[in-house]
Amino acid sequence: MPAILALFGSSIVVVLTAWINARMLSAQIEAVRAEIAVLRAEMRQGFAELELRLTKQIMELDYRVERLEEQRGLIRTP
């Protein structure tokens, strides 16, 4: 009978340890997912800022080209 109790006790310890490890792993996975979400948001923000800067630069260049064409008497055809 003591051998069966020892086996049962060991089984309980193994199952409990596996359950605790699974919970810890799940928590770590959730933390990584949250970090990925933050990084994605930062990346989207960076792309939006880059797009805004590029748009402003393109508009500025277009304005400069128009002024140069006007100064030189060139006609722009679409």
C-alpha atoms as a PDB file:
ATOM      1  CA  MET A   1       0.000   0.000   0.000  1.00  0.00           C
ATOM      2  CA  PRO A   2       2.770   2.582   0.743  1.00  0.00           C
ATOM      3  CA  ALA A   3       4.197   2.017  -2.769  1.00  0.00           C
ATOM      4  CA  ILE A   4       0.845   2.909  -4.318  1.00  0.00           C
ATOM      5  CA  LEU A   5       0.594   6.013  -2.136  1.00  0.00           C
ATOM      6  CA  ALA A   6       4.121   7.054  -3.134  1.00  0.00           C
ATOM      7  CA  LEU A   7       3.256   6.555  -6.820  1.00  0.00           C
ATOM      8  CA  PHE A   8       0.026   8.515  -6.371  1.00  0.00           C
ATOM      9  CA  GLY A   9       1.879  11.314  -4.557  1.00  0.00           C
ATOM     10  CA  SER A  10       4.529  11.462  -7.289  1.00  0.00           C
ATOM     11  CA  SER A  11       1.821  11.604  -9.941  1.00  0.00           C
ATOM     12  CA  ILE A  12       0.144  14.503  -8.148  1.00  0.00           C
ATOM     13  CA  VAL A  13       3.456  16.379  -7.963  1.00  0.00           C
ATOM     14  CA  VAL A  14       4.158  15.780 -11.676  1.00  0.00           C
ATOM     15  CA  VAL A  15       0.677  16.879 -12.739  1.00  0.00           C
ATOM     16  CA  LEU A  16       0.773  19.938 -10.502  1.00  0.00           C
ATOM     17  CA  THR A  17       4.228  20.910 -11.798  1.00  0.00           C
ATOM     18  CA  ALA A  18       3.117  20.470 -15.411  1.00  0.00           C
ATOM     19  CA  TRP A  19       0.018  22.602 -14.752  1.00  0.00           C
ATOM     20  CA  ILE A  20       2.097  25.378 -13.150  1.00  0.00           C
ATOM     21  CA  ASN A  21       4.586  25.305 -16.046  1.00  0.00           C
ATOM     22  CA  ALA A  22       1.743  25.500 -18.551  1.00  0.00           C
ATOM     23  CA  ARG A  23       0.280  28.514 -16.753  1.00  0.00           C
ATOM     24  CA  MET A  24       3.667  30.251 -16.683  1.00  0.00           C
ATOM     25  CA  LEU A  25       4.195  29.538 -20.375  1.00  0.00           C
ATOM     26  CA  SER A  26       0.735  30.903 -21.196  1.00  0.00           C
ATOM     27  CA  ALA A  27       1.514  34.078 -19.267  1.00  0.00           C
ATOM     28  CA  GLN A  28       4.798  34.493 -21.139  1.00  0.00           C
ATOM     29  CA  ILE A  29       3.041  33.976 -24.473  1.00  0.00           C
ATOM     30  CA  GLU A  30       0.475  36.637 -23.593  1.00  0.00           C
ATOM     31  CA  ALA A  31       3.262  39.041 -22.629  1.00  0.00           C
ATOM     32  CA  VAL A  32       4.981  38.463 -25.975  1.00  0.00           C
ATOM     33  CA  ARG A  33       1.687  38.987 -27.816  1.00  0.00           C
ATOM     34  CA  ALA A  34       1.165  42.271 -25.995  1.00  0.00           C
ATOM     35  CA  GLU A  35       4.695  43.371 -26.871  1.00  0.00           C
ATOM     36  CA  ILE A  36       4.119  42.464 -30.527  1.00  0.00           C
ATOM     37  CA  ALA A  37       0.921  44.523 -30.527  1.00  0.00           C
ATOM     38  CA  VAL A  38       2.820  47.521 -29.146  1.00  0.00           C
ATOM     39  CA  LEU A  39       5.554  47.129 -31.754  1.00  0.00           C
ATOM     40  CA  ARG A  40       2.969  46.891 -34.541  1.00  0.00           C
ATOM     41  CA  ALA A  41       1.315  50.083 -33.331  1.00  0.00           C
ATOM     42  CA  GLU A  42       4.679  51.855 -33.225  1.00  0.00           C
ATOM     43  CA  MET A  43       5.492  50.605 -36.716  1.00  0.00           C
ATOM     44  CA  ARG A  44       2.135  51.819 -38.069  1.00  0.00           C
ATOM     45  CA  GLN A  45       2.738  55.206 -36.466  1.00  0.00           C
ATOM     46  CA  GLY A  46       6.199  55.352 -38.010  1.00  0.00           C
ATOM     47  CA  PHE A  47       4.823  54.508 -41.453  1.00  0.00           C
ATOM     48  CA  ALA A  48       2.119  57.159 -41.099  1.00  0.00           C
ATOM     49  CA  GLU A  49       4.713  59.784 -40.162  1.00  0.00           C
ATOM     50  CA  LEU A  50       6.928  58.722 -43.044  1.00  0.00           C
ATOM     51  CA  GLU A  51       4.017  58.916 -45.478  1.00  0.00           C
ATOM     52  CA  LEU A  52       3.176  62.413 -44.238  1.00  0.00           C
ATOM     53  CA  ARG A  53       6.773  63.588 -44.631  1.00  0.00           C
ATOM     54  CA  LEU A  54       7.022  62.124 -48.136  1.00  0.00           C
ATOM     55  CA  THR A  55       3.726  63.685 -49.151  1.00  0.00           C
ATOM     56  CA  LYS A  56       4.875  67.086 -47.899  1.00  0.00           C
ATOM     57  CA  GLN A  57       8.181  66.766 -49.753  1.00  0.00           C
ATOM     58  CA  ILE A  58       6.455  65.725 -52.980  1.00  0.00           C
ATOM     59  CA  MET A  59       4.068  68.668 -52.727  1.00  0.00           C
ATOM     60  CA  GLU A  60       6.975  71.019 -52.062  1.00  0.00           C
ATOM     61  CA  LEU A  61       8.875  69.674 -55.056  1.00  0.00           C
ATOM     62  CA  ASP A  62       5.795  70.003 -57.240  1.00  0.00           C
ATOM     63  CA  TYR A  63       5.424  73.612 -56.131  1.00  0.00           C
ATOM     64  CA  ARG A  64       9.082  74.322 -56.921  1.00  0.00           C
ATOM     65  CA  VAL A  65       8.774  72.745 -60.369  1.00  0.00           C
ATOM     66  CA  GLU A  66       5.708  74.876 -61.102  1.00  0.00           C
ATOM     67  CA  ARG A  67       7.562  78.050 -60.036  1.00  0.00           C
ATOM     68  CA  LEU A  68      10.559  77.140 -62.221  1.00  0.00           C
ATOM     69  CA  GLU A  69       8.290  76.453 -65.179  1.00  0.00           C
ATOM     70  CA  GLU A  70       6.593  79.814 -64.671  1.00  0.00           C
ATOM     71  CA  GLN A  71       9.944  81.606 -64.426  1.00  0.00           C
ATOM     72  CA  ARG A  72      11.231  80.041 -67.595  1.00  0.00           C
ATOM     73  CA  GLY A  73       7.962  80.359 -69.483  1.00  0.00           C
ATOM     74  CA  LEU A  74       7.516  76.630 -69.891  1.00  0.00           C
ATOM     75  CA  ILE A  75       4.108  75.081 -70.375  1.00  0.00           C
ATOM     76  CA  ARG A  76       3.302  71.968 -68.465  1.00  0.00           C
ATOM     77  CA  THR A  77       1.154  69.374 -70.212  1.00  0.00           C
ATOM     78  CA  PRO A  78      -0.549  66.770 -68.085  1.00  0.00           C
END
